[in-house]
């Protein structure tokens, strides 16, 4: 069975930091590009950051310079370090695994991040 389990969300004040983790099981982690997406209240899901198996990363303009995606293939885990958080970062954050060229994708259940004073 394939599982992607996010953790690390919570309530944080503006300017604070959180580190999200996504632990994958049931797949060969190194074959997949990994990504973080988020869905703010009342809005569509949007891309936050991606990290390919080859080491390429990209970020949404809204988080560039504040968020960092990383992965540990030995632990089958992808991380999202979020610094200088803003209220507009409030969303449910989802982890995604994608095997490029095959169309195979898996999603985690999401973890809530709330940025509020």
N, C-alpha and C. Protein backbone atom coordinates (compact mmCIF):
# COMPACT_ATOMS: atom_id res chain seq x y z
N UNK A 1 0.82 -1.17 0.00
CA UNK A 1 0.00 0.00 0.00
C UNK A 1 0.88 1.25 0.00
N UNK A 2 0.43 2.25 -0.74
CA UNK A 2 1.16 3.50 -0.86
C UNK A 2 0.58 4.49 0.13
N UNK A 3 1.45 5.11 0.88
CA UNK A 3 1.03 6.13 1.83
C UNK A 3 2.00 7.30 1.81
N UNK A 4 1.44 8.50 1.82
CA UNK A 4 2.19 9.71 2.04
C UNK A 4 1.55 10.39 3.25
N UNK A 5 2.33 10.57 4.29
CA UNK A 5 1.81 11.08 5.54
C UNK A 5 2.53 12.37 5.89
N UNK A 6 1.77 13.47 5.91
CA UNK A 6 2.33 14.77 6.27
C UNK A 6 2.24 14.98 7.78
N UNK A 7 3.17 15.74 8.30
CA UNK A 7 3.15 16.12 9.69
C UNK A 7 3.89 17.44 9.86
N UNK A 8 3.72 18.06 11.00
CA UNK A 8 4.44 19.27 11.32
C UNK A 8 3.64 20.55 11.24
N UNK A 9 2.40 20.47 10.81
CA UNK A 9 1.58 21.65 10.74
C UNK A 9 1.13 22.10 12.12
N UNK A 10 0.50 23.26 12.15
CA UNK A 10 0.02 23.79 13.40
C UNK A 10 -0.25 25.27 13.31
N UNK A 11 -0.41 25.88 14.47
CA UNK A 11 -0.67 27.31 14.58
C UNK A 11 0.63 28.03 14.91
N UNK A 12 0.92 29.07 14.15
CA UNK A 12 2.14 29.83 14.35
C UNK A 12 1.85 31.32 14.12
N UNK A 13 2.57 32.17 14.82
CA UNK A 13 2.41 33.60 14.65
C UNK A 13 3.12 34.09 13.39
N UNK A 14 2.66 35.19 12.82
CA UNK A 14 3.37 35.77 11.68
C UNK A 14 4.84 35.98 12.01
N UNK A 15 5.69 35.65 11.04
CA UNK A 15 7.12 35.72 11.24
C UNK A 15 7.74 34.46 11.78
N UNK A 16 6.93 33.53 12.22
CA UNK A 16 7.42 32.29 12.77
C UNK A 16 7.79 31.28 11.71
N UNK A 17 8.18 30.10 12.17
CA UNK A 17 8.65 29.04 11.29
C UNK A 17 7.98 27.72 11.62
N UNK A 18 7.84 26.89 10.61
CA UNK A 18 7.40 25.52 10.76
C UNK A 18 8.18 24.66 9.78
N UNK A 19 8.32 23.40 10.12
CA UNK A 19 8.93 22.44 9.23
C UNK A 19 7.96 21.29 9.01
N UNK A 20 7.52 21.13 7.79
CA UNK A 20 6.63 20.04 7.43
C UNK A 20 7.44 18.85 6.95
N UNK A 21 6.93 17.67 7.26
CA UNK A 21 7.54 16.43 6.79
C UNK A 21 6.50 15.60 6.06
N UNK A 22 6.95 14.87 5.07
CA UNK A 22 6.11 13.93 4.34
C UNK A 22 6.86 12.63 4.21
N UNK A 23 6.38 11.62 4.88
CA UNK A 23 7.00 10.30 4.86
C UNK A 23 6.24 9.41 3.90
N UNK A 24 6.95 8.84 2.94
CA UNK A 24 6.35 7.99 1.93
C UNK A 24 6.68 6.53 2.19
N UNK A 25 5.73 5.68 1.89
CA UNK A 25 5.94 4.25 1.96
C UNK A 25 5.21 3.58 0.81
N UNK A 26 5.67 2.41 0.41
CA UNK A 26 5.03 1.67 -0.65
C UNK A 26 5.47 2.05 -2.06
N UNK A 27 6.43 2.96 -2.19
CA UNK A 27 6.99 3.34 -3.47
C UNK A 27 8.50 3.36 -3.37
N UNK A 28 9.15 3.27 -4.53
CA UNK A 28 10.59 3.50 -4.55
C UNK A 28 10.78 5.00 -4.66
N UNK A 29 11.10 5.59 -3.54
CA UNK A 29 11.08 7.04 -3.38
C UNK A 29 11.96 7.75 -4.40
N UNK A 30 13.09 7.16 -4.73
CA UNK A 30 14.02 7.81 -5.64
C UNK A 30 13.52 7.95 -7.06
N UNK A 31 12.47 7.26 -7.43
CA UNK A 31 11.92 7.35 -8.78
C UNK A 31 10.92 8.49 -8.95
N UNK A 32 10.61 9.18 -7.87
CA UNK A 32 9.54 10.16 -7.88
C UNK A 32 10.03 11.57 -7.62
N UNK A 33 9.48 12.49 -8.39
CA UNK A 33 9.56 13.89 -8.00
C UNK A 33 8.60 14.13 -6.85
N UNK A 34 8.99 14.99 -5.95
CA UNK A 34 8.17 15.29 -4.79
C UNK A 34 7.78 16.76 -4.81
N UNK A 35 6.61 17.03 -4.29
CA UNK A 35 6.15 18.40 -4.26
C UNK A 35 5.28 18.69 -3.07
N UNK A 36 5.24 19.97 -2.74
CA UNK A 36 4.32 20.47 -1.74
C UNK A 36 3.32 21.39 -2.41
N UNK A 37 2.07 21.21 -2.08
CA UNK A 37 0.98 22.04 -2.56
C UNK A 37 0.20 22.53 -1.36
N UNK A 38 -0.60 23.55 -1.59
CA UNK A 38 -1.43 24.04 -0.50
C UNK A 38 -2.77 24.52 -1.04
N UNK A 39 -3.75 24.49 -0.17
CA UNK A 39 -5.08 24.94 -0.51
C UNK A 39 -5.57 25.89 0.58
N UNK A 40 -5.50 27.19 0.31
CA UNK A 40 -6.03 28.16 1.27
C UNK A 40 -7.54 28.04 1.38
N UNK A 41 -8.12 28.54 2.45
CA UNK A 41 -9.57 28.47 2.60
C UNK A 41 -10.29 29.13 1.43
N UNK A 42 -11.21 28.41 0.83
CA UNK A 42 -12.01 28.94 -0.26
C UNK A 42 -11.30 29.07 -1.58
N UNK A 43 -10.09 28.54 -1.70
CA UNK A 43 -9.32 28.67 -2.93
C UNK A 43 -8.92 27.31 -3.48
N UNK A 44 -8.40 27.33 -4.71
CA UNK A 44 -7.93 26.11 -5.35
C UNK A 44 -6.56 25.71 -4.83
N UNK A 45 -6.26 24.44 -4.96
CA UNK A 45 -4.95 23.95 -4.59
C UNK A 45 -3.89 24.54 -5.53
N UNK A 46 -2.76 24.92 -4.95
CA UNK A 46 -1.70 25.55 -5.72
C UNK A 46 -0.35 24.95 -5.38
N UNK A 47 0.54 25.03 -6.34
CA UNK A 47 1.90 24.54 -6.16
C UNK A 47 2.67 25.45 -5.22
N UNK A 48 3.42 24.85 -4.32
CA UNK A 48 4.30 25.59 -3.43
C UNK A 48 5.76 25.37 -3.82
N UNK A 49 6.17 24.12 -3.91
CA UNK A 49 7.56 23.81 -4.21
C UNK A 49 7.67 22.39 -4.71
N UNK A 50 8.66 22.13 -5.56
CA UNK A 50 8.92 20.78 -6.05
C UNK A 50 10.40 20.46 -5.97
N UNK A 51 10.68 19.17 -5.88
CA UNK A 51 12.05 18.67 -5.81
C UNK A 51 12.07 17.37 -6.60
N UNK A 52 12.74 17.39 -7.75
CA UNK A 52 12.81 16.20 -8.57
C UNK A 52 13.81 15.22 -8.02
N UNK A 53 13.73 13.98 -8.51
CA UNK A 53 14.68 12.97 -8.09
C UNK A 53 16.09 13.31 -8.53
N UNK A 54 16.21 14.15 -9.56
CA UNK A 54 17.52 14.57 -10.04
C UNK A 54 18.10 15.76 -9.31
N UNK A 55 17.34 16.33 -8.39
CA UNK A 55 17.87 17.40 -7.56
C UNK A 55 17.44 18.80 -7.92
N UNK A 56 16.57 18.96 -8.92
CA UNK A 56 16.09 20.28 -9.29
C UNK A 56 14.95 20.71 -8.39
N UNK A 57 14.96 21.98 -8.04
CA UNK A 57 13.90 22.54 -7.21
C UNK A 57 13.28 23.74 -7.89
N UNK A 58 12.04 24.00 -7.56
CA UNK A 58 11.41 25.24 -7.97
C UNK A 58 10.37 25.63 -6.93
N UNK A 59 10.06 26.93 -6.91
CA UNK A 59 9.19 27.48 -5.89
C UNK A 59 8.20 28.44 -6.51
N UNK A 60 7.04 28.50 -5.90
CA UNK A 60 6.11 29.55 -6.25
C UNK A 60 6.71 30.90 -5.84
N UNK A 61 6.41 31.93 -6.63
CA UNK A 61 6.95 33.24 -6.33
C UNK A 61 6.56 33.73 -4.94
N UNK A 62 5.40 33.33 -4.49
CA UNK A 62 4.91 33.79 -3.21
C UNK A 62 5.70 33.26 -2.02
N UNK A 63 6.45 32.18 -2.21
CA UNK A 63 7.21 31.59 -1.11
C UNK A 63 8.71 31.62 -1.34
N UNK A 64 9.14 32.04 -2.50
CA UNK A 64 10.56 32.04 -2.83
C UNK A 64 11.34 32.91 -1.84
N UNK A 65 12.42 32.36 -1.33
CA UNK A 65 13.22 33.06 -0.35
C UNK A 65 12.80 32.83 1.08
N UNK A 66 11.64 32.25 1.28
CA UNK A 66 11.14 31.96 2.62
C UNK A 66 11.02 30.47 2.90
N UNK A 67 10.67 29.71 1.88
CA UNK A 67 10.47 28.27 2.03
C UNK A 67 11.61 27.52 1.36
N UNK A 68 11.95 26.36 1.90
CA UNK A 68 12.97 25.50 1.33
C UNK A 68 12.48 24.06 1.32
N UNK A 69 12.52 23.45 0.14
CA UNK A 69 12.16 22.04 0.03
C UNK A 69 13.44 21.21 0.01
N UNK A 70 13.40 20.09 0.68
CA UNK A 70 14.52 19.17 0.69
C UNK A 70 13.99 17.75 0.75
N UNK A 71 14.86 16.79 0.46
CA UNK A 71 14.44 15.40 0.51
C UNK A 71 15.58 14.53 1.01
N UNK A 72 15.20 13.47 1.67
CA UNK A 72 16.13 12.48 2.17
C UNK A 72 15.67 11.14 1.61
N UNK A 73 16.30 10.71 0.53
CA UNK A 73 15.86 9.49 -0.12
C UNK A 73 16.03 8.26 0.76
N UNK A 74 17.05 8.27 1.61
CA UNK A 74 17.27 7.15 2.50
C UNK A 74 16.14 6.98 3.50
N UNK A 75 15.49 8.08 3.84
CA UNK A 75 14.37 8.05 4.78
C UNK A 75 13.02 8.14 4.11
N UNK A 76 13.01 8.18 2.78
CA UNK A 76 11.76 8.30 2.03
C UNK A 76 10.93 9.49 2.51
N UNK A 77 11.59 10.60 2.73
CA UNK A 77 10.93 11.75 3.32
C UNK A 77 11.30 13.03 2.58
N UNK A 78 10.30 13.87 2.39
CA UNK A 78 10.50 15.20 1.84
C UNK A 78 10.07 16.21 2.89
N UNK A 79 10.77 17.34 2.94
CA UNK A 79 10.53 18.35 3.95
C UNK A 79 10.21 19.69 3.30
N UNK A 80 9.53 20.50 4.05
CA UNK A 80 9.31 21.88 3.66
C UNK A 80 9.58 22.76 4.87
N UNK A 81 10.70 23.46 4.84
CA UNK A 81 11.03 24.41 5.87
C UNK A 81 10.39 25.75 5.51
N UNK A 82 9.55 26.25 6.39
CA UNK A 82 8.81 27.48 6.14
C UNK A 82 9.23 28.52 7.17
N UNK A 83 9.83 29.59 6.68
CA UNK A 83 10.27 30.69 7.53
C UNK A 83 9.52 31.96 7.16
N UNK A 84 9.57 32.91 8.07
CA UNK A 84 8.93 34.21 7.85
C UNK A 84 7.49 34.05 7.40
N UNK A 85 6.76 33.24 8.11
CA UNK A 85 5.40 32.91 7.71
C UNK A 85 4.48 34.12 7.78
N UNK A 86 3.56 34.16 6.84
CA UNK A 86 2.60 35.24 6.72
C UNK A 86 1.19 34.68 6.85
N UNK A 87 0.23 35.51 7.23
CA UNK A 87 -1.15 35.03 7.30
C UNK A 87 -1.64 34.41 6.00
N UNK A 88 -1.19 34.92 4.87
CA UNK A 88 -1.61 34.37 3.59
C UNK A 88 -1.02 32.99 3.30
N UNK A 89 -0.12 32.52 4.14
CA UNK A 89 0.38 31.15 4.03
C UNK A 89 -0.57 30.14 4.66
N UNK A 90 -1.60 30.62 5.33
CA UNK A 90 -2.56 29.74 5.96
C UNK A 90 -3.23 28.86 4.91
N UNK A 91 -3.17 27.56 5.10
CA UNK A 91 -3.71 26.62 4.13
C UNK A 91 -3.55 25.20 4.66
N UNK A 92 -4.21 24.28 4.00
CA UNK A 92 -3.89 22.87 4.17
C UNK A 92 -2.78 22.54 3.19
N UNK A 93 -1.70 21.99 3.70
CA UNK A 93 -0.54 21.66 2.89
C UNK A 93 -0.53 20.18 2.57
N UNK A 94 -0.33 19.87 1.30
CA UNK A 94 -0.36 18.50 0.81
C UNK A 94 0.97 18.11 0.20
N UNK A 95 1.36 16.89 0.44
CA UNK A 95 2.53 16.30 -0.17
C UNK A 95 2.10 15.50 -1.40
N UNK A 96 2.91 15.56 -2.45
CA UNK A 96 2.62 14.83 -3.67
C UNK A 96 3.87 14.12 -4.17
N UNK A 97 3.68 12.90 -4.61
CA UNK A 97 4.73 12.14 -5.29
C UNK A 97 4.30 11.93 -6.74
N UNK A 98 5.21 12.21 -7.67
CA UNK A 98 4.90 12.12 -9.09
C UNK A 98 6.04 11.43 -9.81
N UNK A 99 5.71 10.37 -10.56
CA UNK A 99 6.71 9.73 -11.38
C UNK A 99 6.61 10.31 -12.78
N UNK A 100 7.55 11.17 -13.10
CA UNK A 100 7.54 11.86 -14.38
C UNK A 100 7.64 10.87 -15.53
N UNK A 101 6.82 11.09 -16.54
CA UNK A 101 6.80 10.24 -17.71
C UNK A 101 5.86 9.07 -17.61
N UNK A 102 5.35 8.82 -16.42
CA UNK A 102 4.42 7.72 -16.20
C UNK A 102 3.03 8.19 -15.79
N UNK A 103 2.95 9.38 -15.25
CA UNK A 103 1.68 9.90 -14.80
C UNK A 103 1.22 9.37 -13.46
N UNK A 104 2.04 8.58 -12.82
CA UNK A 104 1.69 8.02 -11.52
C UNK A 104 1.87 9.10 -10.45
N UNK A 105 0.84 9.33 -9.68
CA UNK A 105 0.92 10.33 -8.64
C UNK A 105 0.18 9.86 -7.40
N UNK A 106 0.67 10.30 -6.26
CA UNK A 106 0.05 10.00 -4.98
C UNK A 106 0.02 11.26 -4.15
N UNK A 107 -1.01 11.37 -3.34
CA UNK A 107 -1.20 12.54 -2.49
C UNK A 107 -1.30 12.13 -1.03
N UNK A 108 -0.79 12.98 -0.17
CA UNK A 108 -0.99 12.81 1.25
C UNK A 108 -2.34 13.36 1.68
N UNK A 109 -2.62 13.20 2.96
CA UNK A 109 -3.92 13.60 3.48
C UNK A 109 -4.00 15.08 3.83
N UNK A 110 -2.87 15.73 3.90
CA UNK A 110 -2.83 17.15 4.21
C UNK A 110 -2.58 17.43 5.67
N UNK A 111 -1.95 18.56 5.93
CA UNK A 111 -1.73 19.03 7.29
C UNK A 111 -2.02 20.53 7.33
N UNK A 112 -2.73 20.96 8.35
CA UNK A 112 -3.17 22.34 8.46
C UNK A 112 -2.06 23.23 8.99
N UNK A 113 -1.84 24.33 8.29
CA UNK A 113 -0.95 25.39 8.75
C UNK A 113 -1.77 26.66 8.90
N UNK A 114 -1.77 27.21 10.09
CA UNK A 114 -2.49 28.45 10.35
C UNK A 114 -1.52 29.49 10.88
N UNK A 115 -1.45 30.62 10.21
CA UNK A 115 -0.57 31.72 10.59
C UNK A 115 -1.45 32.86 11.06
N UNK A 116 -1.41 33.12 12.34
CA UNK A 116 -2.29 34.13 12.93
C UNK A 116 -1.71 34.61 14.24
N UNK A 117 -1.95 35.87 14.53
CA UNK A 117 -1.55 36.44 15.81
C UNK A 117 -2.64 36.31 16.85
